[in-house]
Amino acid sequence: MRKNHLTPKISKPFLLFVLFSLSTFQYASSQESASYKRFREGNVQYERYNEFNTEFTFTKLDGFEFEKGVERYYPSSVIDVGGTYYMWYSKPQPNTEVVGPNSANDSTRAFHWDLSEIWYATSSDGFKWEEQGRAVKRGAAGRYDHRSIFNPDILIAEGKYYLVYQAAASLSDARWGKAFKIAGDFVPNVLGMAVAESPNGPWLALDKPILTPGPEDAWDGEVVHEPTFFVKGGQYFLYYKSDARLPWKPNISKGDFNKAHADMPLATGVAIASNPEGPYVKSKYNPVLMGGHGSMVWPYRNGVCATLPEGPERNSILCAKDGINFYPVIQGLTVPKGGGAFRPGNFVDVDVTQGKGITWGVGHALSPYYHFVRFDTDLSLEKGDRVRNEYELIQNYMNSGDYEYDASLQLK
């Protein structure tokens, strides 16, 4: 047979490309788009039907005016005790220069959070605050909390008050991050705890940490940061931020880099205990949130919600009914940095009493110096119930047998 030189030669890769393109076109045209499918299957609603649709507004606080040489940051959750609001925060040793870990000594700071202690303030209205003094001081030489204690949060349980915070033992644990002079961290660090029968103290620091970093090859092998609490089913959920030893970061702990988590700069895990003082057991599902750094956690309905200022789902709110499996409920927000929300009802067990959500709290801003700001929002249970009821009207209408005009659907 004579060959037909006019017949084009079709390569196998080209044929596969054509078949793939046809299948993709057929899927998109005969079924539904990816966006529409996410809408129908992802349990997401438009803004007006989303109980988490909100904005955060920020205002200056009275009582924390700028003082040269004084820094305050990372406020705790805010609680109401007898009509008075309380919050705790990090306050480094005043008028102490930050020189970096390679130059620091007993009277200079390696980092901004070095040589810190836990202070507290009170308010009658949440706008004007009065600093009351130091709540928890650093421990004696040789203790896990000797060099610095910082980034606190509060828990009320069993008639007592529990402050949890980051703690560093020694300047020898201050590692230089090499990115710039004062870059780096205390590695390893731990989470410490102090207990009191009154929000005004006196506070008794526990002799041992309640949480430490994981093994060097773990996702939390470097540090444990930014603790915060949630209560469910008679158990205390302690959330914390961490990261692994990563090759792209000139990090500092001994041992090999962690290949398994090289694409994960930071994440959030949880450790759970049946007693406020522990022992806390890290969840086998860790990390439970991809991201962190200045996150905020609060109880809502029978579960927990969190903001993520950083990470692949940054500027979002995520919620988990079980405290473990978080799903985003809204994105694209300007969320508080290092925020501590006012906890109405304080720390109720959400399996007993629904979490009431949040409407305000305190965060920190970094420029032109570390200072506090108040944030306001509406993520209350009352607002959530109202939006759910409105959305239920729409769903009932969609599932009804007729499509007549219904005046009740003219939502506010």
Protein backbone atom coordinates (compact mmCIF):
# COMPACT_ATOMS: atom_id res chain seq x y z
CA MET A 1 0.00 0.00 0.00
CA ARG A 2 1.26 3.45 -0.86
CA LYS A 3 1.68 5.77 2.16
CA ASN A 4 -0.48 8.89 2.33
CA HIS A 5 2.05 11.66 3.04
CA LEU A 6 -0.80 14.13 3.62
CA THR A 7 -1.95 12.36 6.81
CA PRO A 8 -0.51 14.18 9.85
CA LYS A 9 1.38 12.15 12.38
CA ILE A 10 -0.28 12.44 15.82
CA SER A 11 1.94 11.96 18.82
CA LYS A 12 0.70 10.07 21.88
CA PRO A 13 1.16 13.08 24.26
CA PHE A 14 -0.90 15.27 21.92
CA LEU A 15 -3.68 12.68 21.79
CA LEU A 16 -3.76 12.47 25.57
CA PHE A 17 -3.97 16.27 25.79
CA VAL A 18 -6.94 16.32 23.41
CA LEU A 19 -8.75 13.59 25.33
CA PHE A 20 -8.13 15.39 28.63
CA SER A 21 -9.38 18.69 27.23
CA LEU A 22 -12.55 17.08 25.90
CA SER A 23 -13.25 15.35 29.20
CA THR A 24 -12.70 18.60 31.10
CA PHE A 25 -15.00 20.51 28.77
CA GLN A 26 -17.67 17.82 29.03
CA TYR A 27 -17.48 17.85 32.83
CA ALA A 28 -17.74 21.62 33.06
CA SER A 29 -20.57 21.93 30.56
CA SER A 30 -22.70 18.94 31.54
CA GLN A 31 -22.36 19.06 35.33
CA GLU A 32 -21.42 22.11 37.37
CA SER A 33 -18.52 24.49 37.85
CA ALA A 34 -16.01 24.02 40.61
CA SER A 35 -17.18 27.21 42.34
CA TYR A 36 -20.84 26.18 42.24
CA LYS A 37 -19.99 22.71 43.48
CA ARG A 38 -18.06 24.13 46.46
CA PHE A 39 -21.06 26.32 47.23
CA ARG A 40 -23.52 23.40 47.23
CA GLU A 41 -21.31 20.83 48.92
CA GLY A 42 -19.15 23.01 51.15
CA ASN A 43 -21.87 24.22 53.51
CA VAL A 44 -21.05 27.88 52.85
CA GLN A 45 -23.52 30.72 52.64
CA TYR A 46 -23.62 34.16 51.14
CA GLU A 47 -22.75 36.98 53.54
CA ARG A 48 -26.30 37.78 54.58
CA TYR A 49 -26.94 34.15 55.54
CA ASN A 50 -23.56 33.61 57.26
CA GLU A 51 -23.67 33.99 61.04
CA PHE A 52 -19.91 34.72 61.01
CA ASN A 53 -20.17 37.63 58.59
CA THR A 54 -18.59 40.49 60.52
CA GLU A 55 -15.98 43.22 60.60
CA PHE A 56 -13.50 44.11 63.30
CA THR A 57 -13.17 47.77 64.24
CA PHE A 58 -10.28 49.08 66.32
CA THR A 59 -10.10 51.96 68.81
CA LYS A 60 -7.44 53.31 71.14
CA LEU A 61 -7.54 52.36 74.81
CA ASP A 62 -7.16 54.79 77.68
CA GLY A 63 -4.70 53.97 80.42
CA PHE A 64 -1.93 52.61 78.20
CA GLU A 65 -0.50 55.83 76.83
CA PHE A 66 2.98 55.71 75.32
CA GLU A 67 5.77 55.61 77.88
CA LYS A 68 9.31 55.85 76.62
CA GLY A 69 11.17 52.63 77.34
CA VAL A 70 8.00 50.67 78.23
CA GLU A 71 6.40 47.93 76.11
CA ARG A 72 3.25 45.85 76.62
CA TYR A 73 1.91 43.20 74.28
CA TYR A 74 -0.02 39.93 73.86
CA PRO A 75 -3.03 40.55 76.13
CA SER A 76 -4.84 37.53 77.53
CA SER A 77 -8.52 36.78 77.15
CA VAL A 78 -10.61 39.32 79.08
CA ILE A 79 -12.77 38.09 81.97
CA ASP A 80 -15.48 39.67 84.12
CA VAL A 81 -15.16 39.16 87.88
CA GLY A 82 -17.86 40.88 89.93
CA GLY A 83 -18.41 43.59 87.32
CA THR A 84 -14.72 44.34 86.83
CA TYR A 85 -12.85 43.36 83.66
CA TYR A 86 -9.40 41.81 84.01
CA MET A 87 -6.65 41.12 81.50
CA TRP A 88 -3.03 40.00 81.76
CA TYR A 89 -0.15 40.72 79.38
CA SER A 90 3.60 40.66 78.76
CA LYS A 91 5.64 43.55 80.11
CA PRO A 92 9.42 43.43 79.61
CA GLN A 93 11.82 45.05 82.02
CA PRO A 94 11.45 48.82 81.33
CA ASN A 95 14.21 50.91 79.76
CA THR A 96 16.14 47.81 78.78
CA GLU A 97 17.75 47.86 75.33
CA VAL A 98 17.07 45.06 72.84
CA VAL A 99 20.49 44.06 71.47
CA GLY A 100 19.99 40.57 70.04
CA PRO A 101 20.90 37.16 71.46
CA ASN A 102 24.60 37.43 70.59
CA SER A 103 25.05 40.62 72.65
CA ALA A 104 22.48 40.28 75.46
CA ASN A 105 23.39 39.95 79.10
CA ASP A 106 21.60 40.15 82.45
CA SER A 107 20.66 43.79 81.89
CA THR A 108 19.95 43.84 78.13
CA ARG A 109 17.35 41.97 76.14
CA ALA A 110 17.92 39.41 73.39
CA PHE A 111 14.43 39.95 71.94
CA HIS A 112 11.50 42.24 72.63
CA TRP A 113 9.93 39.51 74.78
CA ASP A 114 13.11 38.86 76.78
CA LEU A 115 13.23 39.71 80.50
CA SER A 116 9.41 39.85 80.58
CA GLU A 117 6.99 39.24 83.41
CA ILE A 118 3.20 38.98 83.58
CA TRP A 119 1.34 42.16 84.55
CA TYR A 120 -2.38 42.87 84.74
CA ALA A 121 -4.90 45.68 84.43
CA THR A 122 -8.57 46.22 85.28
CA SER A 123 -11.43 48.22 83.79
CA SER A 124 -15.06 49.01 84.55
CA ASP A 125 -16.07 49.57 80.91
CA GLY A 126 -13.47 47.87 78.69
CA PHE A 127 -12.22 51.21 77.34
CA LYS A 128 -10.38 52.85 80.21
CA TRP A 129 -7.87 50.57 81.94
CA GLU A 130 -5.74 50.89 85.04
CA GLU A 131 -2.55 48.92 85.41
CA GLN A 132 -2.56 47.11 88.75
CA GLY A 133 1.00 45.81 88.83
CA ARG A 134 2.91 42.61 88.37
CA ALA A 135 0.96 39.38 88.63
CA VAL A 136 3.66 36.72 88.13
CA LYS A 137 7.40 37.27 88.41
CA ARG A 138 10.21 35.31 86.85
CA GLY A 139 11.47 32.26 88.72
CA ALA A 140 14.72 31.78 90.57
CA ALA A 141 17.96 30.89 88.78
CA GLY A 142 17.89 27.32 87.50
CA ARG A 143 14.12 27.19 87.04
CA TYR A 144 12.39 26.79 83.69
CA ASP A 145 10.92 30.31 84.05
CA HIS A 146 14.00 32.24 85.18
CA ARG A 147 14.89 34.29 82.09
CA SER A 148 11.47 35.39 80.82
CA ILE A 149 7.73 34.68 81.10
CA PHE A 150 5.43 36.13 78.47
CA ASN A 151 2.36 35.80 76.20
CA PRO A 152 -0.17 34.75 78.88
CA ASP A 153 -3.75 33.54 78.80
CA ILE A 154 -6.24 32.94 81.59
CA LEU A 155 -8.51 30.06 82.59
CA ILE A 156 -11.13 29.97 85.34
CA ALA A 157 -11.93 26.46 86.56
CA GLU A 158 -12.92 24.68 89.75
CA GLY A 159 -13.09 27.97 91.65
CA LYS A 160 -9.50 28.96 90.83
CA TYR A 161 -7.65 31.12 88.31
CA TYR A 162 -4.95 29.67 86.07
CA LEU A 163 -2.46 31.75 84.11
CA VAL A 164 -0.56 29.92 81.38
CA TYR A 165 2.39 31.53 79.59
CA GLN A 166 5.56 30.94 77.62
CA ALA A 167 8.68 30.57 79.71
CA ALA A 168 12.41 30.64 79.00
CA ALA A 169 14.99 29.29 81.40
CA SER A 170 18.26 30.90 80.39
CA LEU A 171 19.92 33.35 78.04
CA SER A 172 21.84 30.36 76.69
CA ASP A 173 18.56 29.26 75.08
CA ALA A 174 18.31 32.54 73.10
CA ARG A 175 19.21 31.52 69.55
CA TRP A 176 20.08 33.95 66.79
CA GLY A 177 17.88 33.68 63.69
CA LYS A 178 20.47 35.39 61.42
CA ALA A 179 17.85 37.32 59.42
CA PHE A 180 18.73 40.47 61.36
CA LYS A 181 20.45 41.41 64.62
CA ILE A 182 17.56 40.75 67.02
CA ALA A 183 15.98 37.85 65.10
CA GLY A 184 15.55 34.49 66.77
CA ASP A 185 13.84 32.90 69.73
CA PHE A 186 14.27 30.95 72.92
CA VAL A 187 14.71 27.34 71.80
CA PRO A 188 13.60 25.28 73.48
CA ASN A 189 11.00 27.10 75.50
CA VAL A 190 8.12 25.68 77.55
CA LEU A 191 4.65 26.60 78.79
CA GLY A 192 4.41 27.40 82.48
CA MET A 193 1.43 27.96 84.76
CA ALA A 194 0.60 29.93 87.91
CA VAL A 195 -2.49 29.39 90.11
CA ALA A 196 -4.45 31.75 92.38
CA GLU A 197 -7.75 31.86 94.24
CA SER A 198 -8.34 35.49 93.21
CA PRO A 199 -7.68 37.38 89.98
CA ASN A 200 -5.60 39.75 92.10
CA GLY A 201 -3.37 36.93 93.31
CA PRO A 202 -1.21 35.96 94.98
CA TRP A 203 -0.06 33.62 92.19
CA LEU A 204 1.85 30.40 92.80
CA ALA A 205 3.90 29.23 89.83
CA LEU A 206 4.02 25.47 89.30
CA ASP A 207 7.41 23.81 89.79
CA LYS A 208 7.34 22.12 86.38
CA PRO A 209 6.18 23.18 82.92
CA ILE A 210 2.81 21.93 81.71
CA LEU A 211 3.89 21.57 78.04
CA THR A 212 7.21 21.20 76.21
CA PRO A 213 8.21 20.97 72.52
CA GLY A 214 7.96 17.62 70.80
CA PRO A 215 10.84 15.45 69.59
CA GLU A 216 13.23 17.09 67.11
CA ASP A 217 11.57 15.33 64.17
CA ALA A 218 8.05 16.47 65.20
CA TRP A 219 6.04 19.33 63.72
CA ASP A 220 6.36 21.06 67.12
CA GLY A 221 9.99 20.17 67.72
CA GLU A 222 11.22 23.76 68.12
CA VAL A 223 8.92 25.74 70.43
CA VAL A 224 5.53 25.94 72.13
CA HIS A 225 3.99 29.40 71.86
CA GLU A 226 0.85 31.46 72.49
CA PRO A 227 -1.27 29.21 74.76
CA THR A 228 -5.03 29.63 75.04
CA PHE A 229 -7.88 27.58 76.57
CA PHE A 230 -11.23 26.05 75.64
CA VAL A 231 -13.41 23.70 77.74
CA LYS A 232 -15.55 20.88 76.35
CA GLY A 233 -16.81 17.59 77.75
CA GLY A 234 -15.10 18.12 81.09
CA GLN A 235 -11.74 18.45 79.35
CA TYR A 236 -9.38 21.39 78.99
CA PHE A 237 -8.14 22.07 75.48
CA LEU A 238 -4.82 23.95 75.43
CA TYR A 239 -4.04 25.36 71.97
CA TYR A 240 -0.50 26.38 71.10
CA LYS A 241 1.53 27.52 68.09
CA SER A 242 4.72 25.79 67.00
CA ASP A 243 7.04 24.90 64.13
CA ALA A 244 9.59 22.28 63.19
CA ARG A 245 13.34 22.49 62.50
CA LEU A 246 13.28 23.71 58.91
CA PRO A 247 16.10 24.04 56.35
CA TRP A 248 14.89 27.33 54.87
CA LYS A 249 15.05 28.94 58.31
CA PRO A 250 18.54 29.30 59.83
CA ASN A 251 17.27 27.63 62.93
CA ILE A 252 18.94 26.70 66.06
CA SER A 253 18.05 23.45 67.70
CA LYS A 254 20.40 20.50 67.46
CA GLY A 255 19.67 17.63 65.12
CA ASP A 256 18.60 17.15 61.53
CA PHE A 257 16.21 19.29 59.58
CA ASN A 258 12.62 18.08 59.39
CA LYS A 259 11.87 17.11 55.78
CA ALA A 260 8.31 16.04 56.50
CA HIS A 261 7.27 19.57 57.46
CA ALA A 262 9.60 21.70 55.33
CA ASP A 263 6.61 23.37 53.65
CA MET A 264 4.92 24.31 56.96
CA PRO A 265 6.40 27.46 58.54
CA LEU A 266 4.05 27.34 61.52
CA ALA A 267 0.91 25.63 62.72
CA THR A 268 -1.34 25.24 65.77
CA GLY A 269 -1.80 22.14 67.86
CA VAL A 270 -3.83 21.20 70.91
CA ALA A 271 -3.08 19.30 74.11
CA ILE A 272 -5.92 18.01 76.28
CA ALA A 273 -6.23 17.35 80.02
CA SER A 274 -8.96 16.43 82.48
CA ASN A 275 -7.41 18.69 85.13
CA PRO A 276 -6.48 22.38 84.64
CA GLU A 277 -2.91 21.70 85.80
CA GLY A 278 -2.54 18.68 83.52
CA PRO A 279 -1.05 16.40 82.52
CA TYR A 280 -1.73 17.67 79.00
CA VAL A 281 -1.60 15.09 76.22
CA LYS A 282 -0.97 16.31 72.68
CA SER A 283 -3.63 15.27 70.18
CA LYS A 284 -2.69 12.60 67.67
CA TYR A 285 -4.38 14.79 65.04
CA ASN A 286 -1.93 17.67 65.51
CA PRO A 287 -1.52 20.14 63.98
CA VAL A 288 -5.20 21.07 63.99
CA LEU A 289 -4.84 24.51 62.36
CA MET A 290 -2.51 25.35 59.50
CA GLY A 291 -1.16 28.69 60.63
CA GLY A 292 -1.22 30.81 63.74
CA HIS A 293 0.90 33.63 65.21
CA GLY A 294 -1.38 35.97 67.08
CA SER A 295 -4.46 33.76 66.77
CA MET A 296 -7.49 34.06 69.04
CA VAL A 297 -9.74 31.25 70.32
CA TRP A 298 -13.25 31.42 71.83
CA PRO A 299 -16.19 29.09 72.59
CA TYR A 300 -19.22 29.22 70.30
CA ARG A 301 -22.36 27.07 70.50
CA ASN A 302 -21.10 23.57 71.34
CA GLY A 303 -17.71 24.09 69.74
CA VAL A 304 -14.80 26.45 69.35
CA CYS A 305 -13.78 29.12 66.84
CA ALA A 306 -10.42 30.68 66.03
CA THR A 307 -8.96 33.51 63.98
CA LEU A 308 -5.86 32.96 61.87
CA PRO A 309 -3.83 36.09 61.08
CA GLU A 310 -1.22 33.99 59.22
CA GLY A 311 -1.14 30.79 57.17
CA PRO A 312 -2.78 29.43 53.99
CA GLU A 313 -6.22 30.28 55.42
CA ARG A 314 -5.12 33.58 56.94
CA ASN A 315 -7.50 36.43 57.73
CA SER A 316 -10.25 33.92 58.41
CA ILE A 317 -12.42 32.43 61.13
CA LEU A 318 -12.43 28.64 61.47
CA CYS A 319 -14.64 26.55 63.76
CA ALA A 320 -14.62 23.01 65.11
CA LYS A 321 -17.49 21.27 66.88
CA ASP A 322 -15.10 18.75 68.43
CA GLY A 323 -12.21 21.14 69.09
CA ILE A 324 -10.06 19.23 66.58
CA ASN A 325 -11.45 19.38 63.04
CA PHE A 326 -11.59 23.04 61.99
CA TYR A 327 -13.32 24.34 58.87
CA PRO A 328 -13.25 27.92 57.55
CA VAL A 329 -16.54 29.77 57.93
CA ILE A 330 -15.51 33.18 56.56
CA GLN A 331 -12.37 34.64 55.01
CA GLY A 332 -11.00 38.03 54.01
CA LEU A 333 -11.25 39.71 57.43
CA THR A 334 -8.92 42.15 59.14
CA VAL A 335 -8.54 40.12 62.33
CA PRO A 336 -6.96 41.27 65.62
CA LYS A 337 -3.27 40.57 66.13
CA GLY A 338 -2.45 38.81 69.37
CA GLY A 339 -6.05 39.30 70.39
CA GLY A 340 -7.66 38.38 73.67
CA ALA A 341 -11.46 38.24 73.42
CA PHE A 342 -13.84 39.04 76.25
CA ARG A 343 -15.24 35.69 77.35
CA PRO A 344 -18.88 36.18 78.42
CA GLY A 345 -19.71 33.45 80.90
CA ASN A 346 -15.96 33.03 81.28
CA PHE A 347 -14.95 29.39 80.69
CA VAL A 348 -18.14 27.34 80.68
CA ASP A 349 -18.11 23.79 79.36
CA VAL A 350 -19.79 24.13 75.95
CA ASP A 351 -21.33 20.66 76.31
CA VAL A 352 -23.23 22.03 79.31
CA THR A 353 -23.84 25.66 78.29
CA GLN A 354 -23.49 26.99 74.76
CA GLY A 355 -20.60 29.34 74.15
CA LYS A 356 -21.95 32.86 73.72
CA GLY A 357 -19.43 34.01 71.13
CA ILE A 358 -17.59 37.32 71.31
CA THR A 359 -18.30 41.01 70.74
CA TRP A 360 -15.09 42.75 71.88
CA GLY A 361 -11.63 42.30 73.25
CA VAL A 362 -8.09 43.67 73.26
CA GLY A 363 -5.26 43.16 70.78
CA HIS A 364 -1.86 44.72 70.25
CA ALA A 365 -0.43 46.87 67.47
CA LEU A 366 3.26 47.05 66.63
CA SER A 367 3.67 50.51 65.17
CA PRO A 368 5.01 52.98 66.09
CA TYR A 369 5.58 50.98 69.29
CA TYR A 370 3.95 48.00 71.02
CA HIS A 371 0.58 49.19 72.34
CA PHE A 372 -2.95 47.88 73.00
CA VAL A 373 -6.08 48.52 70.96
CA ARG A 374 -9.67 47.52 71.62
CA PHE A 375 -11.51 45.61 68.92
CA ASP A 376 -15.28 45.37 68.48
CA THR A 377 -17.25 42.93 66.36
CA ASP A 378 -20.53 41.00 66.43
CA LEU A 379 -19.96 37.28 66.66
CA SER A 380 -22.51 36.81 69.43
CA LEU A 381 -24.76 33.81 69.82
CA GLU A 382 -27.79 36.12 69.62
CA LYS A 383 -26.70 37.42 66.23
CA GLY A 384 -25.92 33.88 65.08
CA ASP A 385 -29.38 32.62 66.06
CA ARG A 386 -31.03 35.49 64.20
CA VAL A 387 -29.08 34.82 61.00
CA ARG A 388 -29.74 31.09 61.22
CA ASN A 389 -33.47 31.73 61.54
CA GLU A 390 -33.39 33.94 58.46
CA TYR A 391 -31.48 31.33 56.50
CA GLU A 392 -33.95 28.66 57.60
CA LEU A 393 -36.76 30.71 56.00
CA ILE A 394 -34.90 30.60 52.70
CA GLN A 395 -34.28 26.85 52.97
CA ASN A 396 -37.94 26.20 53.81
CA TYR A 397 -38.95 28.26 50.80
CA MET A 398 -36.59 26.29 48.52
CA ASN A 399 -37.96 22.97 49.79
CA SER A 400 -41.64 23.96 49.64
CA GLY A 401 -44.04 22.74 46.99
CA ASP A 402 -45.00 26.21 45.73
CA TYR A 403 -43.10 29.33 44.79
CA GLU A 404 -45.52 32.06 45.69
CA TYR A 405 -44.47 35.40 47.13
CA ASP A 406 -43.69 35.17 50.84
CA ALA A 407 -43.43 38.49 52.67
CA SER A 408 -41.43 36.85 55.50
CA LEU A 409 -38.52 36.47 53.09
CA GLN A 410 -38.02 40.24 53.00
CA LEU A 411 -35.24 39.99 55.53
CA LYS A 412 -33.82 42.97 57.36
